[in-house]
Amino acid sequence: MQSWKTIKRDTILNFNKFLSIEAHTVELPNGRIIDNWPWVVTPDFVNVVAVDENGRFLIFRQTKYAIDGASFAPIGGYLEPGEEPLQAAQRELLEETGYTANNWHYLGSYAVDGNRGVGKAHFFLAQNAQPTTEINADDLEEQELLFLTHEEVSAALTSGYFKVLPWAAIIALVSIRR
């Protein structure tokens, strides 16, 4: 199978560093040209499932604008310009929790929307996480750091407490690795 080819891209909206909209002209493998294919540009991001030396998962209970009520969430955030995904994952773990980890596992990179872009998710598992400093997060949402067992995290996943798809996906990936 061959990939589609981008022939041309025009910026329709450049809202800020977190969002722009483009119209692409694409060529399908059979040679067909499609004009005005909508493409959403957002920064790539990381999600990290952190597990401490006692086997407890560091999970947030937090709010997000697009979610009704609170949700469970892993550690995460956008990559800074020029930052590698592992660096971003380590930075986010430290900023959001005050923890560092000495055992990192790359779980893959995933398209968020296979047809419209919307950034790429980079997933990591951080094991043997230990507290090293104070939390220094600049997140807008209210969040509470919880320490949950694998059984509690699995029950939360199957009960729908992880309300954002990448969050549920990384928790599921980690759960099947155990």
N, C-alpha and C. Protein backbone atom coordinates (compact mmCIF):
# COMPACT_ATOMS: atom_id res chain seq x y z
N MET A 1 0.85 -1.18 0.00
CA MET A 1 0.00 0.00 0.00
C MET A 1 0.89 1.24 0.00
N GLN A 2 0.44 2.25 -0.70
CA GLN A 2 1.19 3.49 -0.77
C GLN A 2 0.47 4.58 0.04
N SER A 3 1.26 5.49 0.56
CA SER A 3 0.71 6.62 1.32
C SER A 3 0.20 7.70 0.38
N TRP A 4 -0.67 8.52 0.90
CA TRP A 4 -1.10 9.70 0.17
C TRP A 4 0.05 10.69 0.14
N LYS A 5 0.08 11.55 -0.88
CA LYS A 5 1.14 12.55 -1.01
C LYS A 5 0.54 13.94 -0.87
N THR A 6 1.20 14.76 -0.07
CA THR A 6 0.80 16.16 0.05
C THR A 6 1.43 16.92 -1.11
N ILE A 7 0.60 17.52 -1.94
CA ILE A 7 1.07 18.29 -3.09
C ILE A 7 1.23 19.77 -2.71
N LYS A 8 0.29 20.25 -1.90
CA LYS A 8 0.29 21.67 -1.54
C LYS A 8 -0.41 21.83 -0.20
N ARG A 9 0.02 22.80 0.57
CA ARG A 9 -0.67 23.11 1.83
C ARG A 9 -0.79 24.62 1.96
N ASP A 10 -1.98 25.05 2.34
CA ASP A 10 -2.27 26.47 2.56
C ASP A 10 -2.77 26.64 3.99
N THR A 11 -2.23 27.62 4.70
CA THR A 11 -2.69 27.91 6.04
C THR A 11 -3.98 28.72 5.96
N ILE A 12 -5.02 28.21 6.58
CA ILE A 12 -6.33 28.87 6.62
C ILE A 12 -6.45 29.72 7.89
N LEU A 13 -5.96 29.18 9.00
CA LEU A 13 -6.03 29.85 10.29
C LEU A 13 -4.76 29.54 11.06
N ASN A 14 -4.07 30.56 11.51
CA ASN A 14 -2.92 30.39 12.40
C ASN A 14 -3.30 31.05 13.71
N PHE A 15 -4.00 30.29 14.55
CA PHE A 15 -4.57 30.85 15.77
C PHE A 15 -3.51 31.18 16.81
N ASN A 16 -2.67 30.22 17.12
CA ASN A 16 -1.55 30.41 18.05
C ASN A 16 -0.64 29.19 17.94
N LYS A 17 0.33 29.09 18.84
CA LYS A 17 1.27 27.96 18.74
C LYS A 17 0.61 26.61 19.03
N PHE A 18 -0.62 26.63 19.52
CA PHE A 18 -1.31 25.39 19.83
C PHE A 18 -2.30 24.94 18.76
N LEU A 19 -2.59 25.80 17.76
CA LEU A 19 -3.59 25.42 16.78
C LEU A 19 -3.46 26.22 15.49
N SER A 20 -3.39 25.48 14.39
CA SER A 20 -3.57 26.10 13.08
C SER A 20 -4.34 25.11 12.20
N ILE A 21 -5.00 25.65 11.20
CA ILE A 21 -5.80 24.84 10.27
C ILE A 21 -5.23 25.06 8.88
N GLU A 22 -5.04 23.96 8.16
CA GLU A 22 -4.52 24.02 6.80
C GLU A 22 -5.50 23.35 5.84
N ALA A 23 -5.43 23.75 4.58
CA ALA A 23 -6.13 23.06 3.49
C ALA A 23 -5.05 22.44 2.62
N HIS A 24 -5.07 21.13 2.49
CA HIS A 24 -4.07 20.42 1.69
C HIS A 24 -4.64 20.00 0.35
N THR A 25 -3.78 19.97 -0.62
CA THR A 25 -4.06 19.29 -1.88
C THR A 25 -3.28 17.98 -1.80
N VAL A 26 -4.00 16.86 -1.92
CA VAL A 26 -3.36 15.56 -1.76
C VAL A 26 -3.56 14.71 -3.02
N GLU A 27 -2.60 13.85 -3.24
CA GLU A 27 -2.70 12.89 -4.34
C GLU A 27 -2.82 11.49 -3.76
N LEU A 28 -3.87 10.80 -4.16
CA LEU A 28 -4.08 9.42 -3.73
C LEU A 28 -3.17 8.49 -4.52
N PRO A 29 -2.92 7.29 -4.04
CA PRO A 29 -2.06 6.35 -4.77
C PRO A 29 -2.52 6.07 -6.20
N ASN A 30 -3.82 6.19 -6.46
CA ASN A 30 -4.32 5.93 -7.81
C ASN A 30 -4.20 7.15 -8.72
N GLY A 31 -3.59 8.25 -8.20
CA GLY A 31 -3.38 9.46 -9.00
C GLY A 31 -4.47 10.51 -8.84
N ARG A 32 -5.55 10.18 -8.20
CA ARG A 32 -6.64 11.15 -7.99
C ARG A 32 -6.15 12.29 -7.09
N ILE A 33 -6.50 13.51 -7.45
CA ILE A 33 -6.14 14.70 -6.68
C ILE A 33 -7.36 15.19 -5.91
N ILE A 34 -7.17 15.48 -4.64
CA ILE A 34 -8.24 16.03 -3.81
C ILE A 34 -7.78 17.39 -3.31
N ASP A 35 -8.57 18.42 -3.60
CA ASP A 35 -8.29 19.77 -3.12
C ASP A 35 -8.99 20.00 -1.78
N ASN A 36 -8.45 20.92 -1.00
CA ASN A 36 -9.07 21.38 0.24
C ASN A 36 -9.30 20.28 1.28
N TRP A 37 -8.32 19.40 1.41
CA TRP A 37 -8.40 18.38 2.46
C TRP A 37 -8.08 19.09 3.79
N PRO A 38 -9.03 19.10 4.75
CA PRO A 38 -8.79 19.83 5.99
C PRO A 38 -7.75 19.12 6.87
N TRP A 39 -6.83 19.91 7.42
CA TRP A 39 -5.75 19.38 8.26
C TRP A 39 -5.60 20.26 9.49
N VAL A 40 -5.61 19.65 10.66
CA VAL A 40 -5.51 20.36 11.92
C VAL A 40 -4.10 20.17 12.47
N VAL A 41 -3.42 21.27 12.77
CA VAL A 41 -2.05 21.22 13.27
C VAL A 41 -2.06 21.61 14.75
N THR A 42 -1.67 20.67 15.60
CA THR A 42 -1.44 20.93 17.02
C THR A 42 -0.09 20.32 17.37
N PRO A 43 0.52 20.77 18.46
CA PRO A 43 1.83 20.20 18.81
C PRO A 43 1.73 18.71 19.16
N ASP A 44 2.81 18.00 18.91
CA ASP A 44 2.93 16.63 19.41
C ASP A 44 2.95 16.69 20.94
N PHE A 45 2.54 15.59 21.56
CA PHE A 45 2.51 15.56 23.02
C PHE A 45 2.98 14.22 23.54
N VAL A 46 3.28 14.21 24.84
CA VAL A 46 3.67 12.97 25.52
C VAL A 46 2.63 12.64 26.57
N ASN A 47 2.46 11.36 26.80
CA ASN A 47 1.77 10.86 27.97
C ASN A 47 2.68 9.84 28.62
N VAL A 48 2.71 9.89 29.95
CA VAL A 48 3.59 9.04 30.73
C VAL A 48 2.78 8.33 31.80
N VAL A 49 2.88 7.01 31.83
CA VAL A 49 2.39 6.26 32.98
C VAL A 49 3.59 6.07 33.89
N ALA A 50 3.53 6.67 35.06
CA ALA A 50 4.62 6.57 36.03
C ALA A 50 4.21 5.62 37.15
N VAL A 51 5.12 4.72 37.49
CA VAL A 51 4.90 3.75 38.56
C VAL A 51 6.03 3.92 39.56
N ASP A 52 5.68 4.08 40.83
CA ASP A 52 6.73 4.29 41.85
C ASP A 52 7.37 2.97 42.27
N GLU A 53 8.35 3.06 43.17
CA GLU A 53 9.10 1.87 43.59
C GLU A 53 8.25 0.86 44.33
N ASN A 54 7.03 1.28 44.78
CA ASN A 54 6.11 0.37 45.46
C ASN A 54 5.04 -0.19 44.52
N GLY A 55 5.18 0.08 43.22
CA GLY A 55 4.23 -0.42 42.25
C GLY A 55 2.96 0.39 42.12
N ARG A 56 2.92 1.55 42.76
CA ARG A 56 1.73 2.41 42.67
C ARG A 56 1.83 3.32 41.44
N PHE A 57 0.71 3.51 40.77
CA PHE A 57 0.62 4.37 39.60
C PHE A 57 0.36 5.81 40.05
N LEU A 58 1.12 6.75 39.48
CA LEU A 58 0.89 8.17 39.74
C LEU A 58 -0.13 8.64 38.71
N ILE A 59 -1.33 8.89 39.18
CA ILE A 59 -2.46 9.24 38.30
C ILE A 59 -3.08 10.54 38.82
N PHE A 60 -3.44 11.42 37.89
CA PHE A 60 -4.14 12.64 38.27
C PHE A 60 -5.64 12.44 38.21
N ARG A 61 -6.33 13.07 39.15
CA ARG A 61 -7.76 13.33 39.01
C ARG A 61 -7.81 14.81 38.67
N GLN A 62 -8.40 15.14 37.51
CA GLN A 62 -8.34 16.53 37.07
C GLN A 62 -9.54 16.87 36.19
N THR A 63 -9.65 18.15 35.90
CA THR A 63 -10.67 18.64 34.99
C THR A 63 -10.01 19.10 33.70
N LYS A 64 -10.76 19.09 32.64
CA LYS A 64 -10.36 19.64 31.34
C LYS A 64 -11.59 20.32 30.75
N TYR A 65 -11.37 21.32 29.95
CA TYR A 65 -12.45 22.11 29.38
C TYR A 65 -13.45 21.26 28.58
N ALA A 66 -12.97 20.28 27.83
CA ALA A 66 -13.83 19.48 26.96
C ALA A 66 -14.47 18.29 27.66
N ILE A 67 -14.25 18.14 28.96
CA ILE A 67 -14.76 16.97 29.68
C ILE A 67 -15.76 17.42 30.74
N ASP A 68 -16.88 16.72 30.81
CA ASP A 68 -17.82 16.97 31.90
C ASP A 68 -17.29 16.30 33.16
N GLY A 69 -17.16 17.07 34.23
CA GLY A 69 -16.69 16.53 35.49
C GLY A 69 -15.20 16.24 35.47
N ALA A 70 -14.77 15.47 36.44
CA ALA A 70 -13.35 15.12 36.59
C ALA A 70 -13.05 13.84 35.81
N SER A 71 -11.77 13.67 35.52
CA SER A 71 -11.28 12.48 34.81
C SER A 71 -9.97 12.05 35.46
N PHE A 72 -9.67 10.77 35.35
CA PHE A 72 -8.33 10.31 35.68
C PHE A 72 -7.45 10.56 34.47
N ALA A 73 -6.17 10.82 34.72
CA ALA A 73 -5.24 11.14 33.63
C ALA A 73 -3.82 10.73 34.00
N PRO A 74 -3.05 10.32 33.00
CA PRO A 74 -1.61 10.12 33.22
C PRO A 74 -0.91 11.48 33.17
N ILE A 75 0.37 11.47 33.41
CA ILE A 75 1.19 12.68 33.26
C ILE A 75 1.28 12.98 31.77
N GLY A 76 1.34 14.26 31.41
CA GLY A 76 1.47 14.56 30.00
C GLY A 76 1.58 16.03 29.70
N GLY A 77 1.94 16.31 28.46
CA GLY A 77 2.03 17.69 27.99
C GLY A 77 2.63 17.76 26.61
N TYR A 78 2.64 18.99 26.07
CA TYR A 78 3.17 19.23 24.72
C TYR A 78 4.69 19.21 24.70
N LEU A 79 5.24 18.81 23.58
CA LEU A 79 6.68 18.94 23.35
C LEU A 79 6.99 20.41 23.10
N GLU A 80 8.10 20.88 23.62
CA GLU A 80 8.60 22.22 23.33
C GLU A 80 9.30 22.16 21.98
N PRO A 81 9.40 23.29 21.27
CA PRO A 81 10.10 23.27 19.97
C PRO A 81 11.52 22.70 20.10
N GLY A 82 11.84 21.73 19.24
CA GLY A 82 13.15 21.10 19.23
C GLY A 82 13.36 20.04 20.29
N GLU A 83 12.39 19.80 21.13
CA GLU A 83 12.52 18.84 22.22
C GLU A 83 12.19 17.43 21.72
N GLU A 84 12.98 16.45 22.13
CA GLU A 84 12.73 15.06 21.81
C GLU A 84 11.63 14.53 22.74
N PRO A 85 10.85 13.55 22.27
CA PRO A 85 9.76 13.03 23.10
C PRO A 85 10.20 12.53 24.48
N LEU A 86 11.31 11.79 24.58
CA LEU A 86 11.76 11.31 25.89
C LEU A 86 12.11 12.47 26.81
N GLN A 87 12.76 13.48 26.28
CA GLN A 87 13.08 14.66 27.08
C GLN A 87 11.81 15.31 27.61
N ALA A 88 10.81 15.43 26.75
CA ALA A 88 9.53 16.03 27.15
C ALA A 88 8.86 15.19 28.23
N ALA A 89 8.90 13.87 28.07
CA ALA A 89 8.29 12.98 29.05
C ALA A 89 8.97 13.13 30.41
N GLN A 90 10.29 13.17 30.42
CA GLN A 90 11.02 13.33 31.68
C GLN A 90 10.75 14.69 32.30
N ARG A 91 10.70 15.74 31.48
CA ARG A 91 10.40 17.09 31.97
C ARG A 91 9.00 17.16 32.56
N GLU A 92 8.02 16.60 31.84
CA GLU A 92 6.65 16.64 32.33
C GLU A 92 6.49 15.87 33.64
N LEU A 93 7.12 14.72 33.75
CA LEU A 93 7.05 13.95 35.00
C LEU A 93 7.59 14.79 36.16
N LEU A 94 8.73 15.42 35.96
CA LEU A 94 9.33 16.22 37.03
C LEU A 94 8.47 17.44 37.36
N GLU A 95 8.05 18.18 36.33
CA GLU A 95 7.26 19.40 36.58
C GLU A 95 5.93 19.11 37.26
N GLU A 96 5.22 18.10 36.76
CA GLU A 96 3.86 17.86 37.23
C GLU A 96 3.78 17.09 38.54
N THR A 97 4.81 16.29 38.85
CA THR A 97 4.74 15.46 40.06
C THR A 97 5.90 15.67 41.03
N GLY A 98 7.01 16.23 40.55
CA GLY A 98 8.21 16.32 41.38
C GLY A 98 8.99 15.02 41.41
N TYR A 99 8.61 14.05 40.58
CA TYR A 99 9.25 12.74 40.54
C TYR A 99 10.20 12.64 39.34
N THR A 100 11.21 11.77 39.50
CA THR A 100 12.04 11.34 38.39
C THR A 100 11.99 9.81 38.37
N ALA A 101 12.41 9.23 37.26
CA ALA A 101 12.43 7.77 37.15
C ALA A 101 13.72 7.36 36.46
N ASN A 102 14.23 6.19 36.83
CA ASN A 102 15.46 5.70 36.22
C ASN A 102 15.24 4.57 35.23
N ASN A 103 13.98 4.23 34.98
CA ASN A 103 13.68 3.11 34.10
C ASN A 103 12.55 3.53 33.15
N TRP A 104 12.91 3.87 31.91
CA TRP A 104 11.96 4.38 30.92
C TRP A 104 11.76 3.38 29.79
N HIS A 105 10.50 3.21 29.39
CA HIS A 105 10.14 2.33 28.27
C HIS A 105 9.31 3.13 27.27
N TYR A 106 9.75 3.11 26.03
CA TYR A 106 9.02 3.76 24.95
C TYR A 106 7.90 2.85 24.50
N LEU A 107 6.67 3.36 24.48
CA LEU A 107 5.50 2.56 24.12
C LEU A 107 4.97 2.86 22.72
N GLY A 108 5.61 3.79 22.02
CA GLY A 108 5.22 4.07 20.65
C GLY A 108 4.69 5.48 20.44
N SER A 109 4.58 5.83 19.16
CA SER A 109 4.02 7.12 18.74
C SER A 109 2.79 6.83 17.90
N TYR A 110 1.74 7.62 18.11
CA TYR A 110 0.45 7.32 17.50
C TYR A 110 -0.19 8.58 16.93
N ALA A 111 -0.75 8.45 15.73
CA ALA A 111 -1.55 9.54 15.17
C ALA A 111 -2.80 9.69 16.02
N VAL A 112 -3.19 10.91 16.28
CA VAL A 112 -4.40 11.16 17.06
C VAL A 112 -5.63 11.04 16.16
N ASP A 113 -5.54 11.56 14.95
CA ASP A 113 -6.62 11.45 13.97
C ASP A 113 -5.97 11.08 12.64
N GLY A 114 -6.20 9.90 12.17
CA GLY A 114 -5.54 9.39 10.98
C GLY A 114 -5.85 10.14 9.70
N ASN A 115 -6.90 10.92 9.68
CA ASN A 115 -7.26 11.67 8.48
C ASN A 115 -7.11 13.17 8.60
N ARG A 116 -7.00 13.70 9.79
CA ARG A 116 -7.02 15.15 9.96
C ARG A 116 -5.84 15.71 10.75
N GLY A 117 -4.88 14.87 11.14
CA GLY A 117 -3.71 15.38 11.85
C GLY A 117 -3.89 15.40 13.35
N VAL A 118 -3.92 16.57 13.92
CA VAL A 118 -4.12 16.80 15.35
C VAL A 118 -2.95 16.28 16.18
N GLY A 119 -1.74 16.47 15.70
CA GLY A 119 -0.56 16.10 16.47
C GLY A 119 -0.36 14.61 16.57
N LYS A 120 0.72 14.26 17.24
CA LYS A 120 1.08 12.86 17.45
C LYS A 120 1.29 12.65 18.94
N ALA A 121 0.83 11.50 19.43
CA ALA A 121 1.00 11.14 20.83
C ALA A 121 2.21 10.22 20.96
N HIS A 122 3.09 10.54 21.90
CA HIS A 122 4.27 9.71 22.21
C HIS A 122 4.06 9.16 23.62
N PHE A 123 4.04 7.85 23.75
CA PHE A 123 3.72 7.19 25.01
C PHE A 123 4.97 6.59 25.66
N PHE A 124 5.04 6.74 27.00
CA PHE A 124 6.15 6.21 27.78
C PHE A 124 5.65 5.61 29.08
N LEU A 125 6.37 4.61 29.54
CA LEU A 125 6.20 4.03 30.87
C LEU A 125 7.46 4.38 31.66
N ALA A 126 7.28 5.00 32.81
CA ALA A 126 8.39 5.35 33.70
C ALA A 126 8.26 4.50 34.96
N GLN A 127 9.23 3.62 35.20
CA GLN A 127 9.17 2.74 36.37
C GLN A 127 10.19 3.18 37.41
N ASN A 128 9.91 2.79 38.66
CA ASN A 128 10.75 3.14 39.81
C ASN A 128 10.83 4.65 40.01
N ALA A 129 9.70 5.34 39.80
CA ALA A 129 9.64 6.79 40.00
C ALA A 129 9.79 7.11 41.48
N GLN A 130 10.57 8.16 41.73
CA GLN A 130 10.84 8.58 43.11
C GLN A 130 10.72 10.09 43.22
N PRO A 131 10.22 10.59 44.36
CA PRO A 131 10.12 12.04 44.53
C PRO A 131 11.52 12.65 44.66
N THR A 132 11.74 13.78 43.95
CA THR A 132 13.05 14.43 44.02
C THR A 132 12.95 15.93 44.25
N THR A 133 11.80 16.54 43.99
CA THR A 133 11.68 17.99 44.14
C THR A 133 10.21 18.35 44.30
N GLU A 134 9.96 19.63 44.50
CA GLU A 134 8.59 20.12 44.61
C GLU A 134 7.95 20.16 43.22
N ILE A 135 6.63 20.06 43.19
CA ILE A 135 5.88 20.18 41.93
C ILE A 135 6.04 21.60 41.40
N ASN A 136 6.27 21.72 40.09
CA ASN A 136 6.45 23.02 39.45
C ASN A 136 5.63 23.07 38.16
N ALA A 137 4.35 22.74 38.27
CA ALA A 137 3.48 22.67 37.08
C ALA A 137 2.86 24.03 36.80
N ASP A 138 2.67 24.31 35.51
CA ASP A 138 1.98 25.53 35.11
C ASP A 138 0.65 25.21 34.44
N ASP A 139 0.09 24.06 34.77
CA ASP A 139 -1.16 23.62 34.16
C ASP A 139 -2.32 24.51 34.60
N LEU A 140 -3.27 24.70 33.72
CA LEU A 140 -4.43 25.54 34.01
C LEU A 140 -5.48 24.80 34.82
N GLU A 141 -5.57 23.49 34.62
CA GLU A 141 -6.62 22.72 35.28
C GLU A 141 -6.26 22.42 36.73
N GLU A 142 -7.31 22.22 37.50
CA GLU A 142 -7.13 21.76 38.87
C GLU A 142 -6.83 20.28 38.81
N GLN A 143 -5.82 19.83 39.56
CA GLN A 143 -5.50 18.41 39.54
C GLN A 143 -5.02 17.94 40.90
N GLU A 144 -5.32 16.68 41.17
CA GLU A 144 -4.94 16.03 42.42
C GLU A 144 -4.15 14.78 42.06
N LEU A 145 -2.95 14.62 42.63
CA LEU A 145 -2.12 13.45 42.36
C LEU A 145 -2.55 12.30 43.26
N LEU A 146 -2.87 11.17 42.62
CA LEU A 146 -3.29 9.97 43.33
C LEU A 146 -2.24 8.88 43.16
N PHE A 147 -2.19 7.96 44.10
CA PHE A 147 -1.29 6.80 44.03
C PHE A 147 -2.18 5.56 44.06
N LEU A 148 -2.33 4.91 42.88
CA LEU A 148 -3.27 3.82 42.74
C LEU A 148 -2.56 2.51 42.42
N THR A 149 -3.16 1.42 42.85
CA THR A 149 -2.64 0.10 42.52
C THR A 149 -3.00 -0.23 41.07
N HIS A 150 -2.35 -1.26 40.54
CA HIS A 150 -2.67 -1.71 39.19
C HIS A 150 -4.14 -2.11 39.09
N GLU A 151 -4.65 -2.76 40.10
CA GLU A 151 -6.05 -3.18 40.10
C GLU A 151 -6.98 -1.97 40.08
N GLU A 152 -6.65 -0.93 40.85
CA GLU A 152 -7.48 0.28 40.88
C GLU A 152 -7.45 1.00 39.53
N VAL A 153 -6.28 1.04 38.89
CA VAL A 153 -6.15 1.69 37.59
C VAL A 153 -6.93 0.90 36.53
N SER A 154 -6.83 -0.42 36.56
CA SER A 154 -7.57 -1.26 35.61
C SER A 154 -9.08 -1.09 35.79
N ALA A 155 -9.54 -1.05 37.03
CA ALA A 155 -10.97 -0.85 37.30
C ALA A 155 -11.41 0.53 36.82
N ALA A 156 -10.58 1.54 37.02
CA ALA A 156 -10.91 2.89 36.55
C ALA A 156 -11.00 2.93 35.02
N LEU A 157 -10.10 2.22 34.35
CA LEU A 157 -10.11 2.18 32.89
C LEU A 157 -11.41 1.55 32.38
N THR A 158 -11.76 0.39 32.91
CA THR A 158 -12.95 -0.31 32.43
C THR A 158 -14.24 0.39 32.86
N SER A 159 -14.16 1.25 33.86
CA SER A 159 -15.34 2.01 34.31
C SER A 159 -15.48 3.36 33.63
N GLY A 160 -14.55 3.70 32.74
CA GLY A 160 -14.66 4.94 31.99
C GLY A 160 -14.15 6.18 32.70
N TYR A 161 -13.30 6.01 33.73
CA TYR A 161 -12.78 7.18 34.45
C TYR A 161 -11.67 7.90 33.69
N PHE A 162 -11.06 7.26 32.70
CA PHE A 162 -10.09 7.93 31.81
C PHE A 162 -10.89 8.41 30.60
N LYS A 163 -11.27 9.70 30.60
CA LYS A 163 -12.26 10.22 29.66
C LYS A 163 -11.68 10.80 28.37
N VAL A 164 -10.38 10.74 28.20
CA VAL A 164 -9.73 11.22 26.98
C VAL A 164 -9.08 10.01 26.32
N LEU A 165 -9.31 9.84 25.02
CA LEU A 165 -8.88 8.61 24.34
C LEU A 165 -7.39 8.30 24.48
N PRO A 166 -6.46 9.26 24.25
CA PRO A 166 -5.05 8.89 24.45
C PRO A 166 -4.74 8.43 25.88
N TRP A 167 -5.43 8.98 26.86
CA TRP A 167 -5.21 8.57 28.24
C TRP A 167 -5.65 7.13 28.44
N ALA A 168 -6.82 6.79 27.93
CA ALA A 168 -7.30 5.41 28.05
C ALA A 168 -6.39 4.47 27.27
N ALA A 169 -5.90 4.92 26.11
CA ALA A 169 -5.04 4.06 25.29
C ALA A 169 -3.73 3.74 25.99
N ILE A 170 -3.09 4.73 26.59
CA ILE A 170 -1.80 4.44 27.25
C ILE A 170 -2.00 3.56 28.47
N ILE A 171 -3.07 3.77 29.22
CA ILE A 171 -3.34 2.92 30.38
C ILE A 171 -3.59 1.48 29.91
N ALA A 172 -4.32 1.30 28.83
CA ALA A 172 -4.56 -0.04 28.29
C ALA A 172 -3.26 -0.68 27.83
N LEU A 173 -2.40 0.09 27.14
CA LEU A 173 -1.11 -0.45 26.70
C LEU A 173 -0.26 -0.93 27.87
N VAL A 174 -0.21 -0.13 28.91
CA VAL A 174 0.58 -0.52 30.09
C VAL A 174 -0.05 -1.74 30.77
N SER A 175 -1.36 -1.77 30.82
CA SER A 175 -2.05 -2.87 31.50
C SER A 175 -1.79 -4.22 30.81
N ILE A 176 -1.72 -4.21 29.48
CA ILE A 176 -1.49 -5.50 28.80
C ILE A 176 -0.02 -5.92 28.85
N ARG A 177 0.86 -4.99 29.19
CA ARG A 177 2.30 -5.32 29.33
C ARG A 177 2.60 -5.99 30.66
N ARG A 178 1.74 -5.82 31.64
CA ARG A 178 2.02 -6.31 33.00
C ARG A 178 1.78 -7.79 33.12
